[in-house]
Amino acid sequence: MRSFFYWLFSIALATLATAASDHTDKTGEFLWTPTVAADVLPVPEPSRAILLGVGILAIAFTYRQAWLNLKRGN
């Protein structure tokens, strides 16, 4: 059951990070003029968001394998 919750939490974290990295809100307050701010607004790139989610899951998998090997004494 612990393994199930670990993967459920990992997938939820990857999903939240993916959703948070895809910034499309351009109505924030800036300390400079809006014409300058238009040049530095984040560009939504779904491929980067997907890679972030995959990277988090890869780290979760690697961490779990390392933890299991440590517990087994290998």
N, C-alpha and C. Protein backbone atom coordinates (compact mmCIF):
# COMPACT_ATOMS: atom_id res chain seq x y z
N MET A 1 0.82 -1.19 0.00
CA MET A 1 0.00 0.00 0.00
C MET A 1 0.87 1.26 0.00
N ARG A 2 2.03 1.18 0.66
CA ARG A 2 2.93 2.33 0.70
C ARG A 2 3.44 2.67 -0.69
N SER A 3 3.71 1.65 -1.48
CA SER A 3 4.18 1.87 -2.85
C SER A 3 3.11 2.58 -3.69
N PHE A 4 1.86 2.20 -3.50
CA PHE A 4 0.77 2.83 -4.23
C PHE A 4 0.68 4.32 -3.89
N PHE A 5 0.76 4.66 -2.61
CA PHE A 5 0.69 6.06 -2.22
C PHE A 5 1.91 6.84 -2.69
N TYR A 6 3.07 6.19 -2.71
CA TYR A 6 4.28 6.85 -3.20
C TYR A 6 4.10 7.26 -4.67
N TRP A 7 3.63 6.33 -5.49
CA TRP A 7 3.46 6.64 -6.91
C TRP A 7 2.29 7.59 -7.14
N LEU A 8 1.26 7.49 -6.34
CA LEU A 8 0.15 8.43 -6.44
C LEU A 8 0.61 9.85 -6.13
N PHE A 9 1.39 10.00 -5.07
CA PHE A 9 1.93 11.31 -4.72
C PHE A 9 2.89 11.82 -5.78
N SER A 10 3.74 10.95 -6.31
CA SER A 10 4.70 11.35 -7.34
C SER A 10 3.99 11.83 -8.60
N ILE A 11 2.97 11.12 -9.02
CA ILE A 11 2.22 11.52 -10.21
C ILE A 11 1.48 12.83 -9.96
N ALA A 12 0.91 12.99 -8.76
CA ALA A 12 0.22 14.23 -8.44
C ALA A 12 1.20 15.41 -8.43
N LEU A 13 2.37 15.21 -7.87
CA LEU A 13 3.38 16.27 -7.84
C LEU A 13 3.84 16.62 -9.25
N ALA A 14 4.06 15.64 -10.09
CA ALA A 14 4.47 15.89 -11.47
C ALA A 14 3.38 16.63 -12.24
N THR A 15 2.13 16.26 -11.99
CA THR A 15 1.01 16.93 -12.67
C THR A 15 0.89 18.38 -12.22
N LEU A 16 1.01 18.63 -10.93
CA LEU A 16 0.94 20.00 -10.42
C LEU A 16 2.10 20.85 -10.94
N ALA A 17 3.29 20.29 -10.98
CA ALA A 17 4.45 21.04 -11.48
C ALA A 17 4.29 21.33 -12.97
N THR A 18 3.76 20.39 -13.72
CA THR A 18 3.54 20.60 -15.14
C THR A 18 2.52 21.70 -15.37
N ALA A 19 1.45 21.69 -14.60
CA ALA A 19 0.42 22.72 -14.75
C ALA A 19 0.94 24.08 -14.32
N ALA A 20 1.75 24.12 -13.28
CA ALA A 20 2.27 25.40 -12.78
C ALA A 20 3.32 25.99 -13.70
N SER A 21 4.03 25.16 -14.42
CA SER A 21 5.10 25.68 -15.29
C SER A 21 4.56 26.26 -16.59
N ASP A 22 3.33 25.93 -16.93
CA ASP A 22 2.74 26.42 -18.16
C ASP A 22 2.02 27.73 -17.86
N HIS A 23 2.78 28.81 -17.68
CA HIS A 23 2.23 30.12 -17.35
C HIS A 23 1.68 30.79 -18.59
N THR A 24 0.41 31.05 -18.59
CA THR A 24 -0.18 31.79 -19.70
C THR A 24 -0.86 33.06 -19.22
N ASP A 25 -0.80 33.33 -17.91
CA ASP A 25 -1.41 34.53 -17.33
C ASP A 25 -0.50 35.72 -17.58
N LYS A 26 -0.99 36.68 -18.33
CA LYS A 26 -0.18 37.85 -18.66
C LYS A 26 -0.77 39.12 -18.07
N THR A 27 -1.54 38.99 -16.99
CA THR A 27 -2.18 40.16 -16.41
C THR A 27 -1.53 40.58 -15.10
N GLY A 28 -0.33 40.11 -14.80
CA GLY A 28 0.35 40.44 -13.56
C GLY A 28 0.79 41.88 -13.51
N GLU A 29 1.12 42.35 -12.31
CA GLU A 29 1.60 43.71 -12.15
C GLU A 29 3.11 43.74 -12.37
N PHE A 30 3.56 44.77 -13.06
CA PHE A 30 4.97 44.90 -13.36
C PHE A 30 5.50 46.20 -12.77
N LEU A 31 6.78 46.23 -12.53
CA LEU A 31 7.42 47.44 -12.01
C LEU A 31 7.88 48.35 -13.13
N TRP A 32 7.70 47.92 -14.35
CA TRP A 32 8.11 48.74 -15.49
C TRP A 32 6.92 48.90 -16.44
N THR A 33 7.13 49.58 -17.51
CA THR A 33 6.03 49.88 -18.43
C THR A 33 5.57 48.61 -19.15
N PRO A 34 4.30 48.55 -19.50
CA PRO A 34 3.78 47.36 -20.18
C PRO A 34 4.44 47.07 -21.52
N THR A 35 4.95 48.07 -22.19
CA THR A 35 5.59 47.80 -23.49
C THR A 35 6.88 47.04 -23.29
N VAL A 36 7.62 47.35 -22.24
CA VAL A 36 8.85 46.61 -21.95
C VAL A 36 8.50 45.23 -21.41
N ALA A 37 7.45 45.15 -20.61
CA ALA A 37 7.06 43.88 -20.01
C ALA A 37 6.61 42.87 -21.07
N ALA A 38 6.08 43.34 -22.16
CA ALA A 38 5.63 42.42 -23.21
C ALA A 38 6.80 41.65 -23.80
N ASP A 39 7.99 42.21 -23.74
CA ASP A 39 9.16 41.52 -24.28
C ASP A 39 9.69 40.43 -23.35
N VAL A 40 9.38 40.49 -22.07
CA VAL A 40 9.94 39.54 -21.12
C VAL A 40 8.90 38.59 -20.53
N LEU A 41 7.69 38.59 -21.05
CA LEU A 41 6.67 37.68 -20.55
C LEU A 41 7.05 36.24 -20.88
N PRO A 42 6.69 35.29 -20.01
CA PRO A 42 7.03 33.89 -20.29
C PRO A 42 6.29 33.38 -21.52
N VAL A 43 6.97 32.58 -22.28
CA VAL A 43 6.39 31.98 -23.47
C VAL A 43 5.93 30.57 -23.10
N PRO A 44 4.65 30.27 -23.25
CA PRO A 44 4.19 28.93 -22.89
C PRO A 44 4.74 27.89 -23.86
N GLU A 45 5.44 26.93 -23.32
CA GLU A 45 5.99 25.85 -24.13
C GLU A 45 5.56 24.53 -23.51
N PRO A 46 4.57 23.89 -24.08
CA PRO A 46 4.06 22.64 -23.50
C PRO A 46 5.12 21.54 -23.45
N SER A 47 6.06 21.55 -24.38
CA SER A 47 7.07 20.49 -24.37
C SER A 47 7.95 20.58 -23.12
N ARG A 48 8.25 21.80 -22.67
CA ARG A 48 9.03 21.95 -21.43
C ARG A 48 8.25 21.49 -20.23
N ALA A 49 6.97 21.76 -20.21
CA ALA A 49 6.12 21.33 -19.10
C ALA A 49 6.06 19.81 -19.04
N ILE A 50 5.94 19.18 -20.19
CA ILE A 50 5.89 17.71 -20.24
C ILE A 50 7.23 17.12 -19.79
N LEU A 51 8.33 17.71 -20.24
CA LEU A 51 9.65 17.23 -19.83
C LEU A 51 9.85 17.40 -18.32
N LEU A 52 9.32 18.45 -17.74
CA LEU A 52 9.41 18.63 -16.30
C LEU A 52 8.67 17.50 -15.58
N GLY A 53 7.47 17.18 -16.03
CA GLY A 53 6.71 16.09 -15.42
C GLY A 53 7.42 14.75 -15.55
N VAL A 54 7.96 14.48 -16.73
CA VAL A 54 8.69 13.22 -16.94
C VAL A 54 9.95 13.18 -16.07
N GLY A 55 10.61 14.32 -15.95
CA GLY A 55 11.82 14.39 -15.12
C GLY A 55 11.52 14.13 -13.66
N ILE A 56 10.43 14.66 -13.15
CA ILE A 56 10.05 14.41 -11.76
C ILE A 56 9.74 12.94 -11.54
N LEU A 57 9.05 12.32 -12.48
CA LEU A 57 8.77 10.89 -12.36
C LEU A 57 10.04 10.05 -12.46
N ALA A 58 10.98 10.47 -13.29
CA ALA A 58 12.25 9.74 -13.40
C ALA A 58 13.04 9.84 -12.10
N ILE A 59 13.04 11.00 -11.48
CA ILE A 59 13.73 11.16 -10.20
C ILE A 59 13.04 10.32 -9.13
N ALA A 60 11.71 10.28 -9.15
CA ALA A 60 10.97 9.46 -8.18
C ALA A 60 11.31 7.98 -8.37
N PHE A 61 11.40 7.53 -9.61
CA PHE A 61 11.74 6.13 -9.88
C PHE A 61 13.16 5.82 -9.40
N THR A 62 14.10 6.71 -9.69
CA THR A 62 15.49 6.49 -9.29
C THR A 62 15.63 6.49 -7.77
N TYR A 63 14.95 7.42 -7.10
CA TYR A 63 14.99 7.48 -5.65
C TYR A 63 14.43 6.20 -5.04
N ARG A 64 13.32 5.72 -5.60
CA ARG A 64 12.72 4.50 -5.06
C ARG A 64 13.64 3.30 -5.24
N GLN A 65 14.28 3.20 -6.40
CA GLN A 65 15.21 2.09 -6.62
C GLN A 65 16.40 2.15 -5.67
N ALA A 66 16.92 3.35 -5.45
CA ALA A 66 18.05 3.51 -4.53
C ALA A 66 17.62 3.16 -3.10
N TRP A 67 16.43 3.56 -2.70
CA TRP A 67 15.95 3.26 -1.36
C TRP A 67 15.75 1.75 -1.18
N LEU A 68 15.18 1.10 -2.17
CA LEU A 68 14.98 -0.35 -2.07
C LEU A 68 16.31 -1.09 -2.03
N ASN A 69 17.29 -0.65 -2.82
CA ASN A 69 18.61 -1.28 -2.78
C ASN A 69 19.29 -1.09 -1.43
N LEU A 70 19.11 0.07 -0.85
CA LEU A 70 19.70 0.34 0.46
C LEU A 70 19.05 -0.54 1.52
N LYS A 71 17.74 -0.70 1.46
CA LYS A 71 17.04 -1.54 2.43
C LYS A 71 17.42 -3.00 2.29
N ARG A 72 17.67 -3.46 1.07
CA ARG A 72 18.03 -4.85 0.83
C ARG A 72 19.49 -5.13 1.17
N GLY A 73 20.29 -4.08 1.25
CA GLY A 73 21.70 -4.26 1.57
C GLY A 73 22.57 -4.53 0.37
N ASN A 74 22.10 -4.21 -0.83
CA ASN A 74 22.89 -4.43 -2.05
C ASN A 74 23.84 -3.31 -2.29
